[in-house]
Protein backbone atom coordinates (compact mmCIF):
# COMPACT_ATOMS: atom_id res chain seq x y z
CA UNK A 1 31.93 10.29 -21.70
CA UNK A 2 31.24 9.73 -17.78
CA UNK A 3 27.77 8.41 -18.30
CA UNK A 4 29.03 6.00 -21.02
CA UNK A 5 31.40 5.21 -17.78
CA UNK A 6 28.16 4.65 -15.83
CA UNK A 7 27.06 2.57 -18.66
CA UNK A 8 29.10 0.19 -18.80
CA UNK A 9 29.30 -0.66 -15.31
CA UNK A 10 25.57 -0.90 -14.73
CA UNK A 11 25.54 -3.46 -17.90
CA UNK A 12 28.21 -5.07 -16.27
CA UNK A 13 26.75 -5.50 -12.48
CA UNK A 14 23.90 -7.14 -14.72
CA UNK A 15 25.38 -9.83 -16.78
CA UNK A 16 27.65 -11.07 -13.30
CA UNK A 17 24.14 -11.51 -11.32
CA UNK A 18 22.20 -13.06 -13.58
CA UNK A 19 24.82 -14.81 -14.18
CA UNK A 20 25.74 -15.34 -10.81
CA UNK A 21 22.28 -15.77 -10.08
CA UNK A 22 21.69 -18.37 -12.26
CA UNK A 23 23.96 -20.53 -11.37
CA UNK A 24 22.62 -20.89 -7.90
CA UNK A 25 19.41 -21.68 -9.01
CA UNK A 26 20.39 -24.75 -10.34
CA UNK A 27 21.01 -25.64 -7.11
CA UNK A 28 18.37 -24.32 -4.93
CA UNK A 29 15.61 -26.03 -5.64
CA UNK A 30 14.40 -28.16 -2.77
CA UNK A 31 17.03 -26.35 -1.07
CA UNK A 32 15.14 -25.30 3.26
CA UNK A 33 16.19 -22.20 3.71
CA UNK A 34 18.57 -22.10 7.01
CA UNK A 35 17.43 -18.02 7.53
CA UNK A 36 15.65 -17.00 9.28
CA UNK A 37 15.25 -19.51 12.70
CA UNK A 38 12.20 -20.17 13.20
CA UNK A 39 10.82 -19.09 16.67
CA UNK A 40 11.22 -22.53 17.87
CA UNK A 41 14.93 -22.94 17.34
CA UNK A 42 16.00 -20.26 19.93
CA UNK A 43 14.46 -22.27 22.88
CA UNK A 44 13.43 -19.66 25.14
CA UNK A 45 10.67 -20.30 26.52
CA UNK A 46 12.97 -20.45 30.29
CA UNK A 47 13.45 -16.32 29.80
CA UNK A 48 10.67 -14.41 30.83
CA UNK A 49 11.96 -11.05 30.55
CA UNK A 50 11.46 -10.03 26.73
CA UNK A 51 14.20 -7.42 26.87
CA UNK A 52 15.85 -11.07 27.97
CA UNK A 53 14.55 -12.88 24.95
CA UNK A 54 15.57 -10.06 21.54
CA UNK A 55 18.92 -10.59 22.95
CA UNK A 56 18.80 -13.46 22.92
CA UNK A 57 17.36 -14.08 19.77
CA UNK A 58 20.46 -11.33 18.42
CA UNK A 59 23.59 -13.43 20.09
CA UNK A 60 21.58 -16.46 18.70
CA UNK A 61 21.34 -14.83 14.95
CA UNK A 62 23.51 -11.80 14.36
CA UNK A 63 22.14 -11.52 11.11
CA UNK A 64 18.32 -10.91 12.42
CA UNK A 65 20.08 -7.50 14.04
CA UNK A 66 21.42 -7.04 10.61
CA UNK A 67 17.80 -7.31 7.97
CA UNK A 68 16.39 -4.91 10.85
CA UNK A 69 17.96 -2.32 10.28
CA UNK A 70 17.78 -2.19 7.22
CA UNK A 71 13.65 -2.77 7.19
CA UNK A 72 14.17 0.68 9.95
CA UNK A 73 16.55 2.32 6.87
CA UNK A 74 14.24 0.84 3.89
CA UNK A 75 11.44 3.04 6.61
CA UNK A 76 13.06 6.22 7.27
CA UNK A 77 13.74 6.41 3.43
CA UNK A 78 10.01 7.03 2.94
CA UNK A 79 10.32 10.09 5.20
CA UNK A 80 13.20 11.43 2.65
CA UNK A 81 11.49 10.21 -0.80
CA UNK A 82 10.89 14.26 -1.33
CA UNK A 83 14.34 15.42 -0.72
CA UNK A 84 15.44 12.70 -2.82
CA UNK A 85 12.41 14.57 -6.11
CA UNK A 86 13.20 17.70 -4.65
CA UNK A 87 17.03 16.98 -5.81
CA UNK A 88 16.40 15.58 -8.73
CA UNK A 89 14.54 18.75 -9.84
CA UNK A 90 17.39 21.21 -9.27
CA UNK A 91 19.30 17.97 -11.03
CA UNK A 92 17.70 18.76 -13.75
CA UNK A 93 17.38 22.68 -14.04
CA UNK A 94 20.64 22.19 -14.12
CA UNK A 95 21.39 20.09 -16.67
CA UNK A 96 18.08 22.07 -18.75
CA UNK A 97 20.32 24.54 -17.87
CA UNK A 98 23.58 23.22 -19.83
CA UNK A 99 21.89 22.04 -22.84
CA UNK A 100 20.94 25.94 -23.37
CA UNK A 101 24.30 27.11 -22.96
CA UNK A 102 25.08 24.59 -25.31
CA UNK A 103 22.93 25.50 -27.69
CA UNK A 104 23.17 28.85 -27.62
CA UNK A 105 27.34 28.65 -28.19
CA UNK A 106 28.48 28.80 -31.08
CA UNK A 107 32.28 27.39 -30.04
CA UNK A 108 31.93 23.64 -31.67
CA UNK A 109 32.73 21.12 -28.54
CA UNK A 110 33.90 17.47 -28.27
CA UNK A 111 31.54 17.24 -25.22
CA UNK A 112 27.70 16.33 -25.90
CA UNK A 113 24.83 17.37 -23.08
CA UNK A 114 22.74 14.60 -23.02
CA UNK A 115 18.49 15.05 -23.84
CA UNK A 116 18.23 13.61 -20.16
CA UNK A 117 20.09 13.92 -17.16
CA UNK A 118 21.44 10.06 -15.69
CA UNK A 119 21.85 11.32 -11.43
CA UNK A 120 18.13 13.10 -12.22
CA UNK A 121 16.54 9.76 -12.94
CA UNK A 122 18.56 8.04 -10.57
CA UNK A 123 16.90 10.34 -7.69
CA UNK A 124 13.70 10.31 -9.00
CA UNK A 125 13.44 7.00 -9.36
CA UNK A 126 14.58 6.57 -5.50
CA UNK A 127 11.95 9.53 -4.63
CA UNK A 128 9.95 6.83 -5.36
CA UNK A 129 7.53 5.17 -2.49
CA UNK A 130 6.72 2.56 -3.97
CA UNK A 131 9.84 1.16 -5.00
CA UNK A 132 11.40 1.60 -1.34
CA UNK A 133 11.06 -1.54 0.03
CA UNK A 134 12.04 -3.38 -3.17
CA UNK A 135 15.49 -1.52 -3.31
CA UNK A 136 16.48 -2.11 0.24
CA UNK A 137 15.90 -6.05 -0.14
CA UNK A 138 18.97 -6.16 -2.63
CA UNK A 139 21.01 -5.47 0.51
CA UNK A 140 19.07 -7.99 1.94
CA UNK A 141 19.40 -10.86 -0.10
CA UNK A 142 23.23 -9.95 -1.13
CA UNK A 143 23.79 -10.04 3.25
CA UNK A 144 21.71 -13.41 3.40
CA UNK A 145 23.77 -15.23 0.38
CA UNK A 146 27.42 -13.69 2.18
CA UNK A 147 26.64 -15.21 5.24
CA UNK A 148 24.42 -18.74 4.23
CA UNK A 149 25.76 -19.07 0.60
CA UNK A 150 23.67 -17.39 -2.39
CA UNK A 151 21.42 -21.18 -2.70
CA UNK A 152 19.13 -19.83 0.72
CA UNK A 153 19.22 -17.01 -0.30
CA UNK A 154 17.79 -16.93 -2.93
CA UNK A 155 15.10 -20.23 -1.28
CA UNK A 156 13.60 -18.19 1.15
CA UNK A 157 13.30 -15.37 -1.23
CA UNK A 158 11.06 -18.74 -3.02
CA UNK A 159 9.20 -19.39 0.36
CA UNK A 160 7.41 -16.10 0.43
CA UNK A 161 4.07 -15.59 -0.70
CA UNK A 162 3.35 -13.26 -3.43
CA UNK A 163 -0.54 -13.94 -4.09
CA UNK A 164 -1.17 -10.52 -1.74
CA UNK A 165 1.07 -8.64 -4.55
CA UNK A 166 -0.77 -9.71 -7.77
CA UNK A 167 -3.71 -9.84 -6.52
CA UNK A 168 -3.64 -6.23 -5.55
CA UNK A 169 -2.13 -5.61 -9.15
CA UNK A 170 -5.05 -7.29 -10.63
CA UNK A 171 -7.77 -5.47 -8.66
CA UNK A 172 -7.00 -2.41 -8.84
CA UNK A 173 -6.36 -2.07 -12.42
CA UNK A 174 -9.74 -3.61 -12.53
CA UNK A 175 -11.18 -1.15 -9.63
CA UNK A 176 -9.70 1.59 -12.35
CA UNK A 177 -11.44 0.66 -15.86
CA UNK A 178 -14.42 3.49 -16.60
CA UNK A 179 -16.35 0.93 -16.43
CA UNK A 180 -16.41 0.18 -12.81
CA UNK A 181 -15.62 3.96 -11.66
CA UNK A 182 -18.14 6.23 -13.37
CA UNK A 183 -20.53 2.92 -12.25
CA UNK A 184 -19.72 2.86 -8.64
CA UNK A 185 -19.54 7.02 -9.28
CA UNK A 186 -23.48 7.13 -10.64
CA UNK A 187 -24.42 4.69 -6.96
CA UNK A 188 -22.39 7.14 -5.07
CA UNK A 189 -23.87 9.89 -6.34
CA UNK A 190 -27.44 8.79 -6.26
CA UNK A 191 -26.82 8.53 -2.41
CA UNK A 192 -25.09 12.20 -2.06
CA UNK A 193 -28.24 13.53 -3.39
CA UNK A 194 -30.22 12.53 0.25
CA UNK A 195 -27.89 15.77 1.20
CA UNK A 196 -28.88 17.26 -2.25
CA UNK A 197 -26.17 16.42 -3.77
CA UNK A 198 -23.54 19.06 -1.92
CA UNK A 199 -19.59 18.64 -1.99
CA UNK A 200 -20.15 17.56 1.21
CA UNK A 201 -22.26 15.37 0.94
CA UNK A 202 -20.30 12.67 -1.68
CA UNK A 203 -17.24 13.87 0.26
CA UNK A 204 -18.82 12.73 3.53
CA UNK A 205 -20.46 10.01 0.91
CA UNK A 206 -17.22 8.56 -0.59
CA UNK A 207 -16.01 8.77 3.14
CA UNK A 208 -18.23 5.97 4.51
CA UNK A 209 -19.81 4.05 1.80
CA UNK A 210 -16.85 2.92 -0.04
CA UNK A 211 -15.01 1.30 2.53
CA UNK A 212 -17.55 -0.44 3.50
CA UNK A 213 -18.28 -1.60 0.54
CA UNK A 214 -14.41 -3.22 1.05
CA UNK A 215 -15.84 -5.63 3.39
CA UNK A 216 -17.63 -7.48 -0.38
CA UNK A 217 -15.48 -5.72 -3.42
CA UNK A 218 -12.27 -6.27 -1.33
CA UNK A 219 -9.73 -3.21 0.46
CA UNK A 220 -8.03 -3.07 -2.56
CA UNK A 221 -10.50 -2.34 -5.36
CA UNK A 222 -12.58 -0.41 -2.60
CA UNK A 223 -9.40 2.06 -2.05
CA UNK A 224 -8.61 2.56 -5.85
CA UNK A 225 -12.87 3.38 -5.76
CA UNK A 226 -12.97 5.94 -4.07
CA UNK A 227 -10.05 7.46 -4.09
CA UNK A 228 -10.27 7.73 -7.65
CA UNK A 229 -13.60 9.60 -6.99
CA UNK A 230 -12.57 11.49 -4.43
CA UNK A 231 -9.42 12.83 -7.08
CA UNK A 232 -12.29 14.26 -8.99
CA UNK A 233 -14.72 14.95 -6.55
CA UNK A 234 -12.58 16.58 -4.04
CA UNK A 235 -8.87 16.92 -4.34
CA UNK A 236 -9.26 18.55 -7.90
CA UNK A 237 -11.32 21.27 -6.31
CA UNK A 238 -8.25 21.95 -4.82
CA UNK A 239 -8.49 21.81 -1.04
CA UNK A 240 -6.58 23.31 1.41
CA UNK A 241 -3.26 21.49 1.62
CA UNK A 242 -4.79 20.84 5.83
CA UNK A 243 -7.69 19.75 4.60
CA UNK A 244 -6.60 17.48 1.71
CA UNK A 245 -4.37 15.61 4.33
CA UNK A 246 -7.41 15.55 7.28
CA UNK A 247 -8.73 13.75 4.74
CA UNK A 248 -6.29 11.18 2.89
CA UNK A 249 -5.77 10.36 7.22
CA UNK A 250 -9.77 9.54 6.98
CA UNK A 251 -9.79 7.47 3.76
CA UNK A 252 -6.83 5.24 5.03
CA UNK A 253 -7.89 4.29 8.14
CA UNK A 254 -11.96 3.89 6.83
CA UNK A 255 -10.68 1.86 4.36
CA UNK A 256 -8.41 -0.11 6.94
CA UNK A 257 -11.51 -0.96 9.00
CA UNK A 258 -13.88 -0.13 6.00
CA UNK A 259 -13.30 -4.46 5.44
CA UNK A 260 -13.95 -6.18 9.42
CA UNK A 261 -17.73 -7.21 8.07
CA UNK A 262 -16.10 -10.24 5.73
CA UNK A 263 -13.88 -12.82 7.27
CA UNK A 264 -11.80 -11.96 3.48
CA UNK A 265 -11.52 -8.94 2.59
CA UNK A 266 -9.90 -7.12 5.27
CA UNK A 267 -5.55 -8.53 4.73
CA UNK A 268 -5.21 -8.39 8.78
CA UNK A 269 -8.45 -10.77 9.00
CA UNK A 270 -7.66 -13.04 6.40
CA UNK A 271 -4.73 -13.38 7.49
CA UNK A 272 -5.63 -15.55 11.17
CA UNK A 273 -9.89 -15.38 10.14
CA UNK A 274 -8.95 -19.50 9.10
CA UNK A 275 -6.81 -20.38 12.50
CA UNK A 276 -9.02 -18.81 14.31
CA UNK A 277 -12.51 -20.22 13.22
CA UNK A 278 -13.88 -16.99 12.27
CA UNK A 279 -16.53 -16.63 10.41
CA UNK A 280 -18.94 -13.80 8.44
CA UNK A 281 -21.30 -14.37 11.41
CA UNK A 282 -18.55 -13.98 14.28
CA UNK A 283 -16.78 -10.50 11.80
CA UNK A 284 -20.49 -8.96 11.53
CA UNK A 285 -20.86 -8.90 14.84
CA UNK A 286 -17.05 -8.42 17.14
CA UNK A 287 -16.38 -5.59 14.76
CA UNK A 288 -18.02 -5.24 11.85
CA UNK A 289 -20.84 -3.29 13.05
CA UNK A 290 -18.10 -1.07 15.81
CA UNK A 291 -16.59 0.07 12.85
CA UNK A 292 -19.19 1.59 11.31
CA UNK A 293 -20.06 3.53 14.38
CA UNK A 294 -16.08 4.72 14.30
CA UNK A 295 -16.24 5.17 11.12
CA UNK A 296 -19.23 7.38 10.76
CA UNK A 297 -18.45 9.23 14.43
CA UNK A 298 -15.09 10.20 12.54
CA UNK A 299 -16.80 11.23 9.42
CA UNK A 300 -19.31 13.85 11.91
CA UNK A 301 -16.09 15.24 13.37
CA UNK A 302 -13.83 15.81 10.61
CA UNK A 303 -17.40 17.16 8.80
CA UNK A 304 -18.30 20.00 11.69
CA UNK A 305 -14.55 20.75 11.92
CA UNK A 306 -13.92 21.23 7.98
CA UNK A 307 -17.60 22.70 7.12
CA UNK A 308 -16.69 26.27 6.22
CA UNK A 309 -14.06 24.69 4.06
CA UNK A 310 -16.54 22.88 1.60
CA UNK A 311 -17.65 26.52 0.56
CA UNK A 312 -14.26 27.36 -0.14
CA UNK A 313 -13.52 24.96 -3.01
CA UNK A 314 -13.10 25.41 -6.40
CA UNK A 315 -16.61 24.75 -9.22
CA UNK A 316 -16.55 21.74 -11.24
CA UNK A 317 -16.73 23.92 -14.27
CA UNK A 318 -14.09 25.72 -13.71
CA UNK A 319 -12.12 22.84 -13.98
CA UNK A 320 -12.70 22.11 -17.26
CA UNK A 321 -9.41 22.31 -18.58
CA UNK A 322 -7.52 21.02 -15.38
CA UNK A 323 -4.56 18.82 -15.67
CA UNK A 324 -5.58 16.94 -12.02
CA UNK A 325 -9.41 16.82 -12.77
CA UNK A 326 -9.76 13.11 -13.54
CA UNK A 327 -11.81 12.50 -16.44
CA UNK A 328 -13.35 9.52 -17.25
CA UNK A 329 -16.00 10.58 -17.61
CA UNK A 330 -16.37 13.30 -19.50
CA UNK A 331 -16.69 11.35 -23.24
CA UNK A 332 -19.85 11.70 -24.22
CA UNK A 333 -20.99 8.05 -24.80
CA UNK A 334 -22.44 6.34 -22.23
CA UNK A 335 -20.76 2.80 -21.85
CA UNK A 336 -23.21 -0.14 -22.41
CA UNK A 337 -24.67 -2.34 -19.98
CA UNK A 338 -22.84 -5.44 -21.51
CA UNK A 339 -19.56 -3.44 -20.82
CA UNK A 340 -20.16 -2.51 -17.84
CA UNK A 341 -22.30 -6.67 -16.77
CA UNK A 342 -18.30 -7.76 -18.18
CA UNK A 343 -16.59 -6.02 -15.96
CA UNK A 344 -17.97 -7.03 -13.04
CA UNK A 345 -17.97 -10.88 -14.32
CA UNK A 346 -14.14 -10.25 -13.82
CA UNK A 347 -14.16 -8.32 -10.97
CA UNK A 348 -16.19 -11.02 -9.31
CA UNK A 349 -14.14 -13.64 -10.98
CA UNK A 350 -11.15 -11.38 -9.48
CA UNK A 351 -12.89 -12.22 -5.60
CA UNK A 352 -13.74 -15.33 -5.78
CA UNK A 353 -10.69 -16.68 -6.86
CA UNK A 354 -8.32 -14.30 -4.82
CA UNK A 355 -5.99 -17.26 -3.10
CA UNK A 356 -5.34 -18.40 -5.78
CA UNK A 357 -3.48 -16.56 -8.48
CA UNK A 358 -3.25 -18.69 -11.95
CA UNK A 359 -7.02 -18.61 -11.55
CA UNK A 360 -7.74 -14.38 -11.15
CA UNK A 361 -4.05 -14.13 -13.01
CA UNK A 362 -5.91 -16.54 -16.21
CA UNK A 363 -9.17 -14.20 -15.61
CA UNK A 364 -6.45 -11.11 -16.22
CA UNK A 365 -5.79 -11.83 -19.59
CA UNK A 366 -9.14 -12.37 -20.95
CA UNK A 367 -10.04 -9.16 -19.68
CA UNK A 368 -7.45 -7.59 -21.01
CA UNK A 369 -8.63 -9.43 -24.33
CA UNK A 370 -11.79 -7.59 -23.63
CA UNK A 371 -10.16 -4.24 -22.81
CA UNK A 372 -9.03 -4.94 -26.63
CA UNK A 373 -12.09 -5.57 -27.87
CA UNK A 374 -14.26 -3.04 -26.42
CA UNK A 375 -11.64 -0.38 -26.68
CA UNK A 376 -13.96 2.28 -27.71
CA UNK A 377 -15.84 2.44 -24.23
CA UNK A 378 -12.41 1.74 -22.58
CA UNK A 379 -9.98 3.91 -20.62
CA UNK A 380 -6.04 3.04 -21.74
CA UNK A 381 -5.26 0.45 -19.77
CA UNK A 382 -2.76 2.30 -17.59
CA UNK A 383 -1.02 -0.53 -15.93
CA UNK A 384 2.24 1.31 -14.53
CA UNK A 385 0.58 2.11 -11.10
CA UNK A 386 -0.37 -0.88 -10.11
CA UNK A 387 2.38 -2.61 -11.30
CA UNK A 388 4.58 -0.19 -8.77
CA UNK A 389 1.82 -0.81 -6.04
CA UNK A 390 2.62 -4.60 -5.79
CA UNK A 391 6.56 -4.22 -6.41
CA UNK A 392 6.39 -2.31 -2.86
CA UNK A 393 4.32 -5.23 -1.46
CA UNK A 394 6.44 -7.89 -2.59
CA UNK A 395 8.70 -5.83 -1.02
CA UNK A 396 7.39 -5.44 2.59
CA UNK A 397 6.36 -8.62 2.42
CA UNK A 398 9.89 -10.09 2.22
CA UNK A 399 10.80 -7.34 4.67
CA UNK A 400 7.82 -7.82 7.13
CA UNK A 401 8.55 -11.44 7.28
CA UNK A 402 12.45 -11.86 8.30
CA UNK A 403 11.24 -9.43 11.77
CA UNK A 404 8.51 -12.17 13.96
CA UNK A 405 12.37 -12.66 15.93
CA UNK A 406 10.92 -9.59 17.33
CA UNK A 407 7.69 -8.67 17.02
CA UNK A 408 6.02 -11.99 18.11
CA UNK A 409 7.51 -11.58 21.37
CA UNK A 410 6.58 -8.51 21.66
CA UNK A 411 3.09 -9.00 20.76
CA UNK A 412 2.98 -11.87 22.94
CA UNK A 413 4.30 -10.12 26.52
CA UNK A 414 1.16 -7.55 26.38
CA UNK A 415 -2.43 -8.00 28.33
CA UNK A 416 -6.04 -7.47 26.41
CA UNK A 417 -5.63 -3.53 26.76
CA UNK A 418 -1.70 -2.66 26.26
CA UNK A 419 -2.03 -5.77 23.29
CA UNK A 420 -4.64 -3.32 21.58
CA UNK A 421 -2.55 -0.30 21.51
CA UNK A 422 1.09 -2.44 20.68
CA UNK A 423 -0.87 -3.76 18.28
CA UNK A 424 -1.78 -0.19 16.43
CA UNK A 425 1.44 1.40 17.52
CA UNK A 426 3.37 -1.47 15.53
CA UNK A 427 0.89 -0.87 12.44
CA UNK A 428 2.84 2.11 11.68
CA UNK A 429 5.92 0.76 10.94
CA UNK A 430 5.43 -3.49 9.62
CA UNK A 431 1.79 -4.31 7.60
CA UNK A 432 -1.13 -5.11 9.47
CA UNK A 433 -1.59 -8.64 8.04
CA UNK A 434 2.75 -9.53 9.26
CA UNK A 435 1.41 -8.43 12.85
CA UNK A 436 -1.58 -10.12 12.90
CA UNK A 437 -0.26 -13.44 10.53
CA UNK A 438 3.25 -13.28 13.02
CA UNK A 439 0.33 -12.69 15.98
CA UNK A 440 -1.36 -16.25 15.19
CA UNK A 441 2.36 -17.89 15.94
CA UNK A 442 1.68 -16.68 19.87
CA UNK A 443 0.12 -20.27 22.23
CA UNK A 444 -1.20 -17.99 25.16
CA UNK A 445 -2.81 -16.17 23.39
CA UNK A 446 -6.55 -16.40 24.47
CA UNK A 447 -9.46 -15.43 22.71
CA UNK A 448 -9.82 -11.72 23.68
CA UNK A 449 -6.64 -10.99 23.48
CA UNK A 450 -7.05 -12.30 19.68
CA UNK A 451 -10.05 -9.33 19.47
CA UNK A 452 -7.97 -7.47 20.93
CA UNK A 453 -4.70 -7.62 18.25
CA UNK A 454 -6.76 -7.94 15.14
CA UNK A 455 -8.64 -4.90 16.56
CA UNK A 456 -5.46 -3.08 16.61
CA UNK A 457 -3.97 -3.04 13.77
CA UNK A 458 -7.22 -2.61 11.86
CA UNK A 459 -7.25 0.73 13.18
CA UNK A 460 -3.63 1.39 13.38
CA UNK A 461 -3.86 0.44 9.40
CA UNK A 462 -4.48 4.53 8.40
CA UNK A 463 -0.91 5.84 9.79
CA UNK A 464 1.72 5.14 7.16
CA UNK A 465 1.04 4.48 3.87
CA UNK A 466 3.49 0.87 4.06
CA UNK A 467 0.28 -0.06 7.51
CA UNK A 468 -2.01 -1.84 5.20
CA UNK A 469 -1.83 -3.08 1.81
CA UNK A 470 -3.77 -0.87 0.52
CA UNK A 471 -2.18 2.62 1.07
CA UNK A 472 -0.10 2.13 -1.70
CA UNK A 473 -3.03 2.43 -4.68
CA UNK A 474 -4.08 4.91 -2.29
CA UNK A 475 -1.48 7.30 -2.65
CA UNK A 476 -0.20 6.29 -6.31
CA UNK A 477 -3.46 7.57 -7.27
CA UNK A 478 -3.61 11.12 -5.39
CA UNK A 479 0.14 12.47 -4.37
CA UNK A 480 0.15 13.80 -7.48
CA UNK A 481 -2.53 16.81 -5.23
CA UNK A 482 0.12 17.45 -3.25
CA UNK A 483 2.65 19.52 -3.71
CA UNK A 484 6.16 17.10 -3.72
CA UNK A 485 4.38 14.70 -3.17
CA UNK A 486 2.24 12.91 0.23
CA UNK A 487 4.22 13.91 3.81
CA UNK A 488 4.25 10.81 6.03
CA UNK A 489 3.85 13.44 9.15
CA UNK A 490 1.57 14.83 7.15
CA UNK A 491 -0.81 11.51 6.87
CA UNK A 492 -0.22 10.81 10.72
CA UNK A 493 -1.44 13.50 10.91
CA UNK A 494 -4.28 13.62 9.32
CA UNK A 495 -4.91 10.00 10.25
CA UNK A 496 -3.92 10.48 13.81
CA UNK A 497 -7.92 11.33 14.69
CA UNK A 498 -9.46 8.89 13.42
CA UNK A 499 -7.07 6.25 14.74
CA UNK A 500 -7.98 6.89 18.39
CA UNK A 501 -11.47 6.88 18.02
CA UNK A 502 -11.30 3.47 16.20
CA UNK A 503 -9.25 2.11 19.23
CA UNK A 504 -11.63 3.70 21.48
CA UNK A 505 -14.61 2.65 19.92
CA UNK A 506 -13.08 -1.38 20.06
CA UNK A 507 -11.93 -0.76 23.36
CA UNK A 508 -14.94 0.46 25.17
CA UNK A 509 -17.27 -1.12 22.97
CA UNK A 510 -15.08 -4.89 23.11
């Protein structure tokens, strides 16, 4: 009876929500959002103190503080997702016991224990990292609606650019297909033979070549392919938890800096490349080769520290029946070269039109039709991980655009070295693409300061799951290899050393 009541309440709220939004939509078209206010509207150029600027902006618009506190709550929520999942598991076990006791009872009762525990499923949902920021958009939406009206709230949500989340959904799905991953694995295996094809050689190859490929095929695709290969070649062999987190942090940092060979692959570079006239040659000469030095240095350091761990990894023949093993190449039939070429074409099409959603979505629909026609050469297309990651990023950009009132003045108050360090630290609490995007509105940045903020942003892109757009894709693929899910503190510990190495290299060589 309790669950029926919950369903009725939720259904009623849904009806009220849909009816209210549908009525407001008729009036919201053409309305310019009055919140958040533009940075120019604060007229605080005369204030020199950072503290005074922030206090002034809170007084001018108190809602700034409210939405930022909700963003902080979302960040704290990500740290407690493991607790939610643990409690959901307890509820599930308790519910299972109740069902077993009812089946054993011979006494007739009108009370029926449902097959699924509503509270257990609810806490499982709250424990999914990918849904956190989307959930916390809901109170943001209604608070803006309460203070400025439904039309303004809808207008703000509608002005957000969702191109990146949509692109990540498509490219992540394409990169995870059997033909693409098999081709990538074969290429990396050939390279790893330079080190006799050992697990250590494959580990080093994936963490070096995979991130650099991100400059060509985009970082989300590089993350997906690298994470899938590491899942099979490394994580399924059951490394120690310390080694597992070290590799995860190394992967995230390397992917973040590995896209800096080009001006279109790394999201934080993409946000400013056009406005600051950074082209391919500029990125290679100022960022790319330094990123390569940092990637190789970090990989060698972690290899030296964990060199004895490789001998303890389980052998592949002992993992044939493992539920954790990624089995895209276990089928004996090979993928025809024509099918692989077609997949490469769809990926190329998506990358070339990455800024035009109608184009790459149309290509994606054609791709789904092609997969259906060649189903005997494909694995099952699983859209759930990609859609969850897209939802995560969509929620993040909605929150990120509301934080410019405090991020922009903080960035503008730093010198070159503090600016690089500050951008690195801020990237742990916000998407690094948002950091560089907001820095593009600071008129006082010199060329060296522009370099500093981008270098810091890409260096800090592996510290947390929200620091870089491709990170949620990696977490979605690899989290099942970590008991209870990936710990934010474990990821931070694994990424800290390579982050420091990258900052020092960008700082010293810069």
